[in-house]
C-alpha cells in the first residue's frame, strides 16, 4: 500500500499545481500555505511573491521552471491562474495536461481560446509566445455561454432534399 501511495503522490501533487481549476475555492492564505507545506514536504524551493491582489509561486531548478500567478477577486478567492513555463516543450505539456482534464469538458473556440462545460464557468486562454496560459473563472449566464458556442452549419435545400428521399 505504501508503494502505491508513493507512486501516486507525485502525480497528485502535479495535478494540484497544474490543474488551475482546483484553486478557485482557495483564498490567498490557503494558496500561500499550500506552497509553504509543499516546499517543506517535498523539498521544493518555491519562491513566493505577493501583492494586494495576486500571489506568484515560482519553482526553478535545473530540470524545469514553472511560475503560477494567482489573482484574487473582491471576496479574496482565486479568480484567475496564469501558468508560465520556461520552454516550449514544458509549456505544451502543461497545456495538454490542463486540456486532458475530462471533468472540465473543454471546447476549443479558436487556436488560443477554450471554454469549459457551462457548470464549470471557466475559460482557458493560451499565450504561446510567452509560454503561458490562463484559466479564468467567469460568471456566465446560460444565454451568454450559448452565444459563445459555435453554431451548427445550416443545411442547404439540396441537403434537406437528400435526407427526405
Foldseek 3Di string as FASTA:
>chain_A
DVVVCVVCVVVVVCCCVLQVLNQQADFPVRVVVVVVVCCVVVVFDWDWDDDPFKIKTWTDDPPWIKIWMFGADPVRGTFKIKMATDDQVVLVVSVVVNVPPVVQCWDDLDDFWIHGPPVSQWIKGDDRVRSMIMIGHDDDDPVRVVVSDDDDDDDDPVVVVVVVD
